[in-house]
């Protein structure tokens, strides 16, 4: 008798759970009856009726501070315009994606202090090579645009040497920053070829 009672209770509990799930699903779907662009919002406009100002709500789409399309977080992105991998959707990064990934790959052996994908700035911390423990390096990489171009990336390299008073700034060879920029560009082209096949 007890087992039959338990079986009936289990059936009722699963039926109640199913009913609650159906109600929640109906409520959620009911909230999205209007598609994007179909909702209108009242705004106050002063209209005149025989010389008398009347405030009546006027139903129209309001202006947005984020532009005509509004704010899109992770939504559909616009297709690539052929300029070299930059995605122009609001949810993407603010700079060329190939240059960004190539820059991160190139300085991956160094510890990062900051990486801003919207401003296109990568700042590393000081790195001491194992073969020369008396000197250390720091790199700042700046991605300057949304297109994959030779002048789309700049690098600044800083070097210090250890002295009796601590770390002292030291000169860097003139070609070091240019060599780093070229390595980033080569890696960016490799990434683009791997993605697009051309």
C-alpha atoms as a PDB file:
ATOM      1  CA  UNK A   1       0.000   0.000   0.000  1.00  0.00           C
ATOM      2  CA  UNK A   2       2.807   2.409   0.906  1.00  0.00           C
ATOM      3  CA  UNK A   3       4.611   1.752  -2.381  1.00  0.00           C
ATOM      4  CA  UNK A   4       1.430   2.569  -4.338  1.00  0.00           C
ATOM      5  CA  UNK A   5       1.042   5.784  -2.378  1.00  0.00           C
ATOM      6  CA  UNK A   6       4.666   6.743  -3.124  1.00  0.00           C
ATOM      7  CA  UNK A   7       4.176   6.026  -6.817  1.00  0.00           C
ATOM      8  CA  UNK A   8       1.068   8.250  -6.925  1.00  0.00           C
ATOM      9  CA  UNK A   9       2.933  11.054  -5.106  1.00  0.00           C
ATOM     10  CA  UNK A  10       5.856  10.819  -7.552  1.00  0.00           C
ATOM     11  CA  UNK A  11       3.478  11.046 -10.514  1.00  0.00           C
ATOM     12  CA  UNK A  12       1.721  14.074  -9.024  1.00  0.00           C
ATOM     13  CA  UNK A  13       5.056  15.758  -8.211  1.00  0.00           C
ATOM     14  CA  UNK A  14       6.345  15.246 -11.760  1.00  0.00           C
ATOM     15  CA  UNK A  15       3.028  16.484 -13.163  1.00  0.00           C
ATOM     16  CA  UNK A  16       3.241  19.603 -10.966  1.00  0.00           C
ATOM     17  CA  UNK A  17       6.839  20.188 -12.077  1.00  0.00           C
ATOM     18  CA  UNK A  18       5.803  19.843 -15.706  1.00  0.00           C
ATOM     19  CA  UNK A  19       2.909  22.280 -15.199  1.00  0.00           C
ATOM     20  CA  UNK A  20       5.228  24.868 -13.623  1.00  0.00           C
ATOM     21  CA  UNK A  21       7.725  24.473 -16.476  1.00  0.00           C
ATOM     22  CA  UNK A  22       4.985  24.965 -19.083  1.00  0.00           C
ATOM     23  CA  UNK A  23       3.724  28.092 -17.288  1.00  0.00           C
ATOM     24  CA  UNK A  24       7.242  29.547 -17.081  1.00  0.00           C
ATOM     25  CA  UNK A  25       7.862  28.810 -20.755  1.00  0.00           C
ATOM     26  CA  UNK A  26       4.570  30.451 -21.708  1.00  0.00           C
ATOM     27  CA  UNK A  27       5.435  33.494 -19.599  1.00  0.00           C
ATOM     28  CA  UNK A  28       8.873  33.874 -21.139  1.00  0.00           C
ATOM     29  CA  UNK A  29       7.577  33.476 -24.678  1.00  0.00           C
ATOM     30  CA  UNK A  30       4.765  35.908 -23.994  1.00  0.00           C
ATOM     31  CA  UNK A  31       7.304  38.574 -23.065  1.00  0.00           C
ATOM     32  CA  UNK A  32       8.866  38.487 -26.509  1.00  0.00           C
ATOM     33  CA  UNK A  33       5.763  38.892 -28.662  1.00  0.00           C
ATOM     34  CA  UNK A  34       7.040  42.121 -30.225  1.00  0.00           C
ATOM     35  CA  UNK A  35      10.085  41.792 -32.397  1.00  0.00           C
ATOM     36  CA  UNK A  36      12.918  44.309 -32.527  1.00  0.00           C
ATOM     37  CA  UNK A  37      11.873  47.628 -33.961  1.00  0.00           C
ATOM     38  CA  UNK A  38       8.159  46.957 -33.351  1.00  0.00           C
ATOM     39  CA  UNK A  39       8.057  48.496 -29.888  1.00  0.00           C
ATOM     40  CA  UNK A  40       7.263  52.186 -29.741  1.00  0.00           C
ATOM     41  CA  UNK A  41       7.631  54.481 -26.806  1.00  0.00           C
ATOM     42  CA  UNK A  42       5.629  57.562 -25.919  1.00  0.00           C
ATOM     43  CA  UNK A  43       7.401  60.894 -26.031  1.00  0.00           C
ATOM     44  CA  UNK A  44       5.931  64.239 -25.068  1.00  0.00           C
ATOM     45  CA  UNK A  45       5.462  66.669 -27.931  1.00  0.00           C
ATOM     46  CA  UNK A  46       3.712  69.986 -27.735  1.00  0.00           C
ATOM     47  CA  UNK A  47       1.041  70.267 -30.384  1.00  0.00           C
ATOM     48  CA  UNK A  48      -1.141  73.248 -30.960  1.00  0.00           C
ATOM     49  CA  UNK A  49      -4.894  73.027 -31.263  1.00  0.00           C
ATOM     50  CA  UNK A  50      -6.317  76.407 -32.316  1.00  0.00           C
ATOM     51  CA  UNK A  51      -3.432  78.272 -30.717  1.00  0.00           C
ATOM     52  CA  UNK A  52      -3.461  76.279 -27.436  1.00  0.00           C
ATOM     53  CA  UNK A  53      -0.468  74.061 -26.628  1.00  0.00           C
ATOM     54  CA  UNK A  54      -1.472  70.482 -25.867  1.00  0.00           C
ATOM     55  CA  UNK A  55       0.932  67.812 -24.583  1.00  0.00           C
ATOM     56  CA  UNK A  56      -0.025  64.480 -26.096  1.00  0.00           C
ATOM     57  CA  UNK A  57       2.121  61.382 -26.201  1.00  0.00           C
ATOM     58  CA  UNK A  58       3.555  60.691 -29.618  1.00  0.00           C
ATOM     59  CA  UNK A  59       4.537  57.049 -30.189  1.00  0.00           C
ATOM     60  CA  UNK A  60       7.865  56.703 -31.962  1.00  0.00           C
ATOM     61  CA  UNK A  61      11.256  55.027 -31.557  1.00  0.00           C
ATOM     62  CA  UNK A  62      13.472  57.116 -29.220  1.00  0.00           C
ATOM     63  CA  UNK A  63      17.036  58.064 -30.039  1.00  0.00           C
ATOM     64  CA  UNK A  64      19.714  56.013 -28.328  1.00  0.00           C
ATOM     65  CA  UNK A  65      23.024  57.194 -26.954  1.00  0.00           C
ATOM     66  CA  UNK A  66      24.551  54.072 -28.526  1.00  0.00           C
ATOM     67  CA  UNK A  67      23.552  54.998 -32.079  1.00  0.00           C
ATOM     68  CA  UNK A  68      20.780  53.854 -34.389  1.00  0.00           C
ATOM     69  CA  UNK A  69      21.261  50.124 -33.719  1.00  0.00           C
ATOM     70  CA  UNK A  70      21.506  50.480 -29.948  1.00  0.00           C
ATOM     71  CA  UNK A  71      23.991  48.525 -27.863  1.00  0.00           C
ATOM     72  CA  UNK A  72      24.814  44.975 -28.904  1.00  0.00           C
ATOM     73  CA  UNK A  73      26.702  42.754 -26.493  1.00  0.00           C
ATOM     74  CA  UNK A  74      27.769  39.564 -28.202  1.00  0.00           C
ATOM     75  CA  UNK A  75      25.014  39.814 -30.784  1.00  0.00           C
ATOM     76  CA  UNK A  76      25.361  39.139 -34.471  1.00  0.00           C
ATOM     77  CA  UNK A  77      28.325  40.892 -35.972  1.00  0.00           C
ATOM     78  CA  UNK A  78      28.498  42.501 -39.356  1.00  0.00           C
ATOM     79  CA  UNK A  79      30.449  40.488 -41.909  1.00  0.00           C
ATOM     80  CA  UNK A  80      34.094  41.238 -42.486  1.00  0.00           C
ATOM     81  CA  UNK A  81      34.457  44.022 -45.023  1.00  0.00           C
ATOM     82  CA  UNK A  82      37.638  42.545 -46.486  1.00  0.00           C
ATOM     83  CA  UNK A  83      39.957  44.982 -44.718  1.00  0.00           C
ATOM     84  CA  UNK A  84      41.887  42.299 -42.938  1.00  0.00           C
ATOM     85  CA  UNK A  85      39.943  40.622 -40.202  1.00  0.00           C
ATOM     86  CA  UNK A  86      38.449  43.505 -38.281  1.00  0.00           C
ATOM     87  CA  UNK A  87      34.976  42.694 -37.077  1.00  0.00           C
ATOM     88  CA  UNK A  88      32.753  45.709 -37.052  1.00  0.00           C
ATOM     89  CA  UNK A  89      30.096  44.436 -34.645  1.00  0.00           C
ATOM     90  CA  UNK A  90      29.626  46.236 -31.355  1.00  0.00           C
ATOM     91  CA  UNK A  91      30.483  43.085 -29.400  1.00  0.00           C
ATOM     92  CA  UNK A  92      33.901  42.595 -31.058  1.00  0.00           C
ATOM     93  CA  UNK A  93      37.241  44.104 -30.184  1.00  0.00           C
ATOM     94  CA  UNK A  94      38.051  47.667 -31.173  1.00  0.00           C
ATOM     95  CA  UNK A  95      41.133  46.892 -33.275  1.00  0.00           C
ATOM     96  CA  UNK A  96      42.187  44.450 -35.998  1.00  0.00           C
ATOM     97  CA  UNK A  97      41.712  40.964 -34.616  1.00  0.00           C
ATOM     98  CA  UNK A  98      44.694  39.467 -36.482  1.00  0.00           C
ATOM     99  CA  UNK A  99      47.087  42.141 -35.202  1.00  0.00           C
ATOM    100  CA  UNK A 100      45.676  41.756 -31.687  1.00  0.00           C
ATOM    101  CA  UNK A 101      46.144  37.976 -31.570  1.00  0.00           C
ATOM    102  CA  UNK A 102      49.549  38.204 -33.266  1.00  0.00           C
ATOM    103  CA  UNK A 103      50.725  40.772 -30.708  1.00  0.00           C
ATOM    104  CA  UNK A 104      49.609  38.567 -27.827  1.00  0.00           C
ATOM    105  CA  UNK A 105      51.311  35.543 -29.411  1.00  0.00           C
ATOM    106  CA  UNK A 106      54.546  37.467 -29.964  1.00  0.00           C
ATOM    107  CA  UNK A 107      54.875  38.752 -26.383  1.00  0.00           C
ATOM    108  CA  UNK A 108      53.418  35.612 -24.774  1.00  0.00           C
ATOM    109  CA  UNK A 109      56.739  34.735 -23.105  1.00  0.00           C
ATOM    110  CA  UNK A 110      56.576  37.948 -21.035  1.00  0.00           C
ATOM    111  CA  UNK A 111      54.202  38.599 -18.111  1.00  0.00           C
ATOM    112  CA  UNK A 112      51.363  40.972 -18.999  1.00  0.00           C
ATOM    113  CA  UNK A 113      50.427  44.012 -16.923  1.00  0.00           C
ATOM    114  CA  UNK A 114      47.568  45.199 -19.120  1.00  0.00           C
ATOM    115  CA  UNK A 115      45.824  44.157 -22.328  1.00  0.00           C
ATOM    116  CA  UNK A 116      43.079  46.459 -23.634  1.00  0.00           C
ATOM    117  CA  UNK A 117      41.395  45.014 -26.760  1.00  0.00           C
ATOM    118  CA  UNK A 118      39.243  48.120 -27.283  1.00  0.00           C
ATOM    119  CA  UNK A 119      42.103  50.616 -27.128  1.00  0.00           C
ATOM    120  CA  UNK A 120      44.609  48.243 -28.722  1.00  0.00           C
ATOM    121  CA  UNK A 121      47.252  48.566 -25.993  1.00  0.00           C
ATOM    122  CA  UNK A 122      49.343  45.709 -24.566  1.00  0.00           C
ATOM    123  CA  UNK A 123      51.756  46.468 -21.721  1.00  0.00           C
ATOM    124  CA  UNK A 124      54.116  43.822 -20.402  1.00  0.00           C
ATOM    125  CA  UNK A 125      55.876  43.663 -17.078  1.00  0.00           C
ATOM    126  CA  UNK A 126      59.652  43.536 -16.786  1.00  0.00           C
ATOM    127  CA  UNK A 127      61.138  40.292 -18.084  1.00  0.00           C
ATOM    128  CA  UNK A 128      64.633  39.039 -17.291  1.00  0.00           C
ATOM    129  CA  UNK A 129      65.986  36.531 -19.833  1.00  0.00           C
ATOM    130  CA  UNK A 130      67.514  33.450 -18.173  1.00  0.00           C
ATOM    131  CA  UNK A 131      70.753  33.813 -20.177  1.00  0.00           C
ATOM    132  CA  UNK A 132      71.354  37.425 -19.006  1.00  0.00           C
ATOM    133  CA  UNK A 133      70.133  37.909 -15.412  1.00  0.00           C
ATOM    134  CA  UNK A 134      71.654  41.423 -15.160  1.00  0.00           C
ATOM    135  CA  UNK A 135      69.279  43.001 -17.677  1.00  0.00           C
ATOM    136  CA  UNK A 136      65.526  43.152 -18.115  1.00  0.00           C
ATOM    137  CA  UNK A 137      63.087  44.241 -20.827  1.00  0.00           C
ATOM    138  CA  UNK A 138      59.602  45.719 -21.007  1.00  0.00           C
ATOM    139  CA  UNK A 139      57.435  46.046 -24.141  1.00  0.00           C
ATOM    140  CA  UNK A 140      54.436  48.226 -24.994  1.00  0.00           C
ATOM    141  CA  UNK A 141      52.493  47.342 -28.148  1.00  0.00           C
ATOM    142  CA  UNK A 142      49.986  49.731 -29.749  1.00  0.00           C
ATOM    143  CA  UNK A 143      47.564  48.581 -32.447  1.00  0.00           C
ATOM    144  CA  UNK A 144      46.562  51.663 -34.408  1.00  0.00           C
ATOM    145  CA  UNK A 145      43.567  50.624 -36.482  1.00  0.00           C
ATOM    146  CA  UNK A 146      40.995  48.118 -37.599  1.00  0.00           C
ATOM    147  CA  UNK A 147      42.792  47.096 -40.797  1.00  0.00           C
ATOM    148  CA  UNK A 148      45.733  44.755 -41.291  1.00  0.00           C
ATOM    149  CA  UNK A 149      48.392  47.157 -42.552  1.00  0.00           C
ATOM    150  CA  UNK A 150      52.139  47.449 -42.136  1.00  0.00           C
ATOM    151  CA  UNK A 151      51.744  50.708 -40.218  1.00  0.00           C
ATOM    152  CA  UNK A 152      48.932  49.327 -38.036  1.00  0.00           C
ATOM    153  CA  UNK A 153      51.173  48.329 -35.120  1.00  0.00           C
ATOM    154  CA  UNK A 154      53.824  50.155 -33.087  1.00  0.00           C
ATOM    155  CA  UNK A 155      56.081  48.755 -30.403  1.00  0.00           C
ATOM    156  CA  UNK A 156      58.176  50.428 -27.720  1.00  0.00           C
ATOM    157  CA  UNK A 157      60.946  48.412 -26.061  1.00  0.00           C
ATOM    158  CA  UNK A 158      62.549  49.432 -22.768  1.00  0.00           C
ATOM    159  CA  UNK A 159      65.745  47.965 -21.309  1.00  0.00           C
ATOM    160  CA  UNK A 160      67.361  48.228 -17.891  1.00  0.00           C
ATOM    161  CA  UNK A 161      70.648  46.922 -16.520  1.00  0.00           C
ATOM    162  CA  UNK A 162      71.402  46.085 -12.927  1.00  0.00           C
ATOM    163  CA  UNK A 163      73.959  48.381 -11.304  1.00  0.00           C
ATOM    164  CA  UNK A 164      75.186  48.865  -7.755  1.00  0.00           C
ATOM    165  CA  UNK A 165      72.360  51.356  -7.123  1.00  0.00           C
ATOM    166  CA  UNK A 166      69.639  49.114  -8.633  1.00  0.00           C
ATOM    167  CA  UNK A 167      68.073  48.965 -12.078  1.00  0.00           C
ATOM    168  CA  UNK A 168      69.261  51.701 -14.448  1.00  0.00           C
ATOM    169  CA  UNK A 169      67.786  52.562 -17.866  1.00  0.00           C
ATOM    170  CA  UNK A 170      69.961  51.389 -20.758  1.00  0.00           C
ATOM    171  CA  UNK A 171      69.792  52.057 -24.494  1.00  0.00           C
ATOM    172  CA  UNK A 172      67.990  49.650 -26.801  1.00  0.00           C
ATOM    173  CA  UNK A 173      69.275  48.803 -30.271  1.00  0.00           C
ATOM    174  CA  UNK A 174      67.443  50.888 -32.873  1.00  0.00           C
ATOM    175  CA  UNK A 175      66.168  47.915 -34.831  1.00  0.00           C
ATOM    176  CA  UNK A 176      64.665  46.063 -31.832  1.00  0.00           C
ATOM    177  CA  UNK A 177      61.253  47.751 -31.976  1.00  0.00           C
ATOM    178  CA  UNK A 178      61.113  47.419 -35.776  1.00  0.00           C
ATOM    179  CA  UNK A 179      62.048  43.725 -35.571  1.00  0.00           C
ATOM    180  CA  UNK A 180      59.288  43.190 -33.008  1.00  0.00           C
ATOM    181  CA  UNK A 181      56.731  44.989 -35.206  1.00  0.00           C
ATOM    182  CA  UNK A 182      57.790  42.857 -38.194  1.00  0.00           C
ATOM    183  CA  UNK A 183      57.416  39.674 -36.136  1.00  0.00           C
ATOM    184  CA  UNK A 184      53.880  40.754 -35.161  1.00  0.00           C
ATOM    185  CA  UNK A 185      53.003  41.504 -38.799  1.00  0.00           C
ATOM    186  CA  UNK A 186      54.337  38.130 -39.984  1.00  0.00           C
ATOM    187  CA  UNK A 187      52.299  36.331 -37.305  1.00  0.00           C
ATOM    188  CA  UNK A 188      49.186  38.374 -38.195  1.00  0.00           C
ATOM    189  CA  UNK A 189      49.528  37.384 -41.859  1.00  0.00           C
ATOM    190  CA  UNK A 190      49.919  33.734 -40.851  1.00  0.00           C
ATOM    191  CA  UNK A 191      46.729  33.952 -38.771  1.00  0.00           C
ATOM    192  CA  UNK A 192      44.842  35.590 -41.636  1.00  0.00           C
ATOM    193  CA  UNK A 193      45.986  32.952 -44.127  1.00  0.00           C
ATOM    194  CA  UNK A 194      45.049  30.181 -41.698  1.00  0.00           C
ATOM    195  CA  UNK A 195      41.560  31.651 -41.254  1.00  0.00           C
ATOM    196  CA  UNK A 196      40.708  32.765 -44.772  1.00  0.00           C
ATOM    197  CA  UNK A 197      42.835  30.345 -46.776  1.00  0.00           C
ATOM    198  CA  UNK A 198      44.195  33.107 -49.011  1.00  0.00           C
END
